[in-house]
Protein backbone atom coordinates (compact mmCIF):
# COMPACT_ATOMS: atom_id res chain seq x y z
CA MET A 1 188.46 44.86 -7.61
CA LYS A 2 186.45 47.45 -6.94
CA LYS A 3 183.18 45.76 -7.29
CA PHE A 4 184.65 42.78 -5.10
CA ILE A 5 185.29 45.24 -2.48
CA LEU A 6 182.07 46.95 -2.63
CA SER A 7 180.38 43.54 -2.62
CA ALA A 8 182.16 42.83 0.60
CA LEU A 9 181.60 46.35 2.06
CA LEU A 10 178.17 46.45 1.85
CA PRO A 11 176.75 43.39 4.25
CA LEU A 12 179.48 45.16 6.52
CA LEU A 13 177.46 48.45 6.31
CA PHE A 14 174.44 46.44 6.67
CA LEU A 15 175.26 44.75 9.44
CA LEU A 16 176.90 47.88 11.49
CA SER A 17 173.38 49.68 10.66
CA THR A 18 171.32 47.13 12.04
CA PHE A 19 173.69 46.01 15.02
CA SER A 20 171.98 46.51 18.36
CA PRO A 21 173.37 45.64 21.73
CA VAL A 22 171.37 42.50 23.41
CA PRO A 23 169.67 43.21 26.65
CA VAL A 24 171.46 41.43 29.57
CA GLN A 25 169.19 39.67 31.66
CA SER A 26 169.08 40.87 35.39
CA ALA A 27 168.68 38.58 38.19
CA SER A 28 165.32 38.60 40.07
CA ALA A 29 165.94 39.49 44.11
CA GLU A 30 166.00 35.95 45.29
CA SER A 31 166.22 34.49 49.04
CA SER A 32 166.46 31.38 50.51
CA LEU A 33 164.86 29.66 53.54
CA VAL A 34 167.81 30.16 56.02
CA ALA A 35 167.93 30.65 59.67
CA ASP A 36 167.17 34.28 61.10
CA SER A 37 165.37 34.88 57.72
CA TYR A 38 161.14 35.35 57.46
CA ALA A 39 159.25 33.29 55.14
CA CYS A 40 155.47 34.52 54.03
CA ILE A 41 152.35 32.44 54.41
CA LEU A 42 150.71 32.51 50.81
CA THR A 43 148.85 29.32 51.07
CA ASP A 44 145.51 28.43 52.85
CA GLU A 45 146.77 25.06 54.27
CA ALA A 46 150.00 25.78 55.87
CA PHE A 47 149.59 24.44 59.09
CA PHE A 48 151.36 25.16 62.63
CA TYR A 49 152.95 21.85 63.67
CA SER A 50 153.89 20.77 67.14
CA SER A 51 156.80 18.60 65.64
CA ARG A 52 158.22 17.21 62.31
CA ASP A 53 154.94 15.31 61.69
CA GLU A 54 151.61 15.72 59.55
CA LYS A 55 149.46 14.37 62.14
CA ARG A 56 150.73 17.48 64.67
CA GLY A 57 149.34 20.45 63.05
CA LEU A 58 147.81 22.80 65.78
CA PHE A 59 146.27 25.65 63.68
CA LEU A 60 146.40 26.97 60.06
CA LEU A 61 148.84 30.00 59.83
CA PRO A 62 147.21 32.90 58.54
CA LYS A 63 147.29 33.62 55.09
CA THR A 64 149.41 36.74 53.69
CA TYR A 65 151.44 36.77 57.03
CA TYR A 66 155.10 35.74 58.11
CA VAL A 67 156.89 33.06 60.24
CA LYS A 68 160.42 33.67 61.46
CA ILE A 69 163.13 30.92 60.76
CA ILE A 70 165.19 29.08 63.53
CA GLU A 71 166.32 26.18 61.47
CA ALA A 72 166.10 25.28 57.96
CA ASP A 73 165.25 21.74 56.24
CA PRO A 74 164.44 20.04 53.29
CA GLU A 75 161.20 19.06 54.92
CA PHE A 76 159.95 20.92 57.82
CA CYS A 77 161.48 24.26 58.89
CA ARG A 78 161.73 24.90 62.63
CA ILE A 79 159.63 28.24 63.26
CA GLU A 80 158.65 31.09 65.50
CA TYR A 81 155.45 32.74 65.52
CA LEU A 82 154.28 35.55 67.65
CA TYR A 83 155.76 37.07 70.67
CA ASP A 84 155.23 37.58 74.13
CA ASP A 85 152.94 40.11 75.68
CA ALA A 86 150.10 40.12 77.71
CA TYR A 87 147.51 38.71 75.89
CA VAL A 88 149.96 36.47 73.43
CA GLN A 89 152.37 33.97 73.86
CA LYS A 90 155.41 32.82 71.32
CA LEU A 91 155.01 29.55 69.75
CA VAL A 92 157.97 27.16 68.32
CA GLY A 93 157.02 24.59 66.35
CA TYR A 94 156.89 23.70 62.95
CA ALA A 95 155.90 24.04 59.10
CA LYS A 96 156.28 22.22 55.92
CA THR A 97 159.01 23.78 53.76
CA SER A 98 157.01 23.44 50.82
CA ASP A 99 154.29 25.86 52.05
CA LEU A 100 157.01 28.76 53.26
CA THR A 101 158.08 31.30 50.52
CA PRO A 102 161.19 32.94 51.59
CA VAL A 103 161.75 36.77 51.37
CA PRO A 104 164.62 38.84 51.41
CA TYR A 105 163.33 41.61 53.73
CA VAL A 106 162.25 41.85 57.38
CA PRO A 107 158.30 42.28 57.42
CA LYS A 108 157.06 45.38 59.51
CA ARG A 109 154.37 43.69 60.76
CA PRO A 110 155.04 39.81 60.41
CA TYR A 111 152.71 38.46 62.60
CA LEU A 112 148.79 38.61 62.73
CA TYR A 113 147.73 40.03 66.03
CA ARG A 114 144.09 39.38 66.45
CA LEU A 115 142.17 39.84 69.95
CA ILE A 116 138.74 38.65 70.33
CA GLU A 117 135.98 38.50 73.20
CA VAL A 118 134.81 35.32 74.13
CA SER A 119 131.55 35.17 76.16
CA TYR A 120 130.35 32.29 78.56
CA THR A 121 126.94 31.41 79.65
CA ILE A 122 127.13 30.33 83.41
CA GLY A 123 125.08 27.34 83.79
CA GLY A 124 121.66 27.71 85.75
CA GLY A 125 121.33 31.37 85.19
CA GLY A 126 121.55 33.64 87.50
CA VAL A 127 119.61 35.97 90.11
CA PRO A 128 118.40 39.14 88.82
CA ASN A 129 120.06 42.50 90.60
CA SER A 130 121.78 40.01 93.15
CA GLY A 131 125.37 40.66 92.25
CA PHE A 132 125.68 36.78 90.81
CA LEU A 133 127.02 36.75 87.17
CA ASP A 134 125.11 34.47 84.60
CA GLN A 135 127.78 35.48 81.71
CA ILE A 136 131.32 36.47 81.47
CA THR A 137 133.40 37.73 78.67
CA VAL A 138 137.52 37.63 78.13
CA THR A 139 139.33 38.55 76.15
CA CYS A 140 141.70 35.62 73.91
CA ALA A 141 144.24 35.63 71.75
CA TYR A 142 143.62 34.43 67.54
CA TYR A 143 146.49 32.19 66.28
CA GLY A 144 144.57 30.31 63.58
CA ASP A 145 141.97 28.37 62.18
CA TYR A 146 141.25 24.50 62.54
CA ARG A 147 138.90 22.39 60.30
CA ILE A 148 137.33 19.32 61.27
CA GLY A 149 135.06 18.26 58.28
CA SER A 150 132.42 21.02 57.68
CA GLU A 151 132.98 22.65 61.15
CA THR A 152 135.80 25.24 62.00
CA TYR A 153 137.40 26.08 65.05
CA SER A 154 139.89 28.63 66.11
CA TYR A 155 142.74 28.13 68.23
CA ILE A 156 143.22 30.81 71.13
CA LEU A 157 144.95 31.38 73.93
CA ARG A 158 142.83 32.51 76.96
CA ASP A 159 144.28 33.34 80.47
CA GLY A 160 147.74 31.59 79.68
CA SER A 161 146.06 28.22 78.21
CA PHE A 162 145.58 27.10 74.35
CA GLY A 163 142.65 25.67 73.01
CA TYR A 164 139.73 25.56 70.30
CA ILE A 165 136.44 27.25 70.21
CA PRO A 166 134.02 27.07 67.71
CA LYS A 167 135.03 29.90 65.42
CA PRO A 168 133.16 33.19 65.87
CA VAL A 169 131.19 33.85 62.60
CA ASP A 170 132.27 37.90 62.50
CA LEU A 171 136.25 36.89 62.96
CA THR A 172 137.89 38.79 60.14
CA TYR A 173 141.32 39.81 59.62
CA ASP A 174 142.89 42.61 57.75
CA THR A 175 145.28 40.80 54.69
CA ASN A 176 148.89 41.85 55.24
CA THR A 177 149.87 43.68 51.86
CA GLU A 178 153.81 43.44 52.16
CA TYR A 179 154.36 40.55 50.17
CA ALA A 180 152.14 42.20 47.29
CA GLU A 181 153.71 45.65 47.56
CA TRP A 182 157.14 44.35 47.61
CA GLN A 183 156.79 42.19 44.49
CA GLU A 184 155.29 45.18 42.78
CA ALA A 185 158.06 47.18 43.34
CA ASN A 186 160.70 44.36 42.54
CA ALA A 187 159.34 43.98 39.09
CA LYS A 188 159.24 47.67 38.77
CA GLN A 189 163.20 47.82 39.73
CA GLU A 190 163.69 44.88 37.27
CA GLU A 191 162.22 46.55 34.56
CA GLY A 192 164.49 49.28 34.79
CA GLU A 193 166.89 47.79 35.02
CA GLU A 194 166.60 45.79 31.95
CA GLU A 195 165.94 48.77 29.96
CA GLU A 196 168.66 50.31 31.27
CA GLU A 197 171.13 47.17 30.60
CA GLY A 198 169.20 47.01 26.99
CA GLU A 199 170.92 49.93 26.19
CA GLN A 200 174.53 48.88 26.95
CA ALA A 201 176.71 46.81 24.88
CA THR A 202 178.67 43.89 26.12
CA PRO A 203 182.54 43.77 25.52
CA ALA A 204 182.53 41.35 22.67
CA GLN A 205 179.71 43.63 21.15
CA ILE A 206 181.69 46.85 21.80
CA ALA A 207 184.93 44.79 20.18
CA ILE A 208 183.01 43.89 17.11
CA LEU A 209 181.63 47.55 16.61
CA ILE A 210 185.59 48.85 16.96
CA ALA A 211 186.39 46.43 14.24
CA LEU A 212 183.56 47.40 12.23
CA CYS A 213 184.32 51.01 12.44
CA LEU A 214 188.23 50.40 11.67
CA LEU A 215 187.60 48.32 8.68
CA VAL A 216 184.82 50.45 6.72
CA PRO A 217 187.08 53.68 6.16
CA VAL A 218 189.60 51.14 4.97
CA LEU A 219 187.44 49.60 2.45
CA ALA A 220 186.27 52.67 1.26
CA ALA A 221 189.73 54.26 0.58
CA LEU A 222 190.42 51.23 -1.38
CA ILE A 223 187.22 51.88 -3.35
CA LEU A 224 187.58 55.98 -3.64
CA ARG A 225 191.53 55.44 -4.57
CA PRO A 226 192.25 56.76 -8.01
CA SER A 227 193.44 54.26 -10.46
CA LYS A 228 196.87 54.47 -11.84
CA ARG A 229 195.83 53.07 -15.32
CA SER A 230 195.83 55.93 -17.86
CA PRO A 231 192.30 56.76 -19.15
CA TYR A 232 193.21 55.62 -22.44
CA ASP A 233 194.51 52.13 -23.27
CA THR A 234 197.81 52.18 -25.55
CA GLU A 235 197.91 49.85 -28.56
CA GLU A 236 200.94 47.94 -28.66
C-alpha cells in the first residue's frame, strides 16, 4: 500500500516543484481610424487627394508627420492637413486608408510647417540704381512633393494661391520622431507588464496549487502512519 501511495506522491511532488505560472499575453496598445483621431504617414507614397480618386493626387504627404481624420472609410479617409495662419492654409481632402497608420495619442507637432524663400527674376533686367527691381523674393509654404518622371516639384502656397514649382535643391525638413518615440515607450511598457503578469498565476493555476498542497500532506500522513500489524507474525 505504501509503495502505491509513494508512487502516486512522487509525480505530484515533481509537478509541484516544476510548476510555474503561464505568462499572460498583454494586449498591445491599438487604435483605429475614427473621426477626430490622428494618423501617421509612414510611407513615401501617401498622396493627399482632392477627391476620392487616385487620379486627383495633389502632393505626397511628408513622411513621419500626421493628418487628422475627419471621416473614416475602408478605402479613402477624409482628412485635414495643416491649419490657418499668415503663411499656411488648412486643407481638407482625402488619403488612402491603407497609407494611414492610426495612433492612440494627439501628436505635439502633427503637421510639417516649412516655409521657403522663392526668388523670381523679372524679364528684361533692371536698370542699376534706378529703383527698379529685376528680382523679387517671396515667402511660400511648402506642402509636399509631386513627381513627374524624373522631375520633382513642390506644392506650395504663395500669397493665397496654390501651385507647383521645381523643388529647390536645398529643400529639406526634419523627421518627426514622435511615432518612433511612442513605439519605443510602448514596447518598454508592454515588456514590463509581461514580466509582472508572468509572475502571477491565473485562478485555475492557483486552484491546482491549492489542491496539490492539500493532497500532499494527506498522502504523506498515510505513508508515515505506523502499521497496526504486530512486528512479529504469529503462527496459527
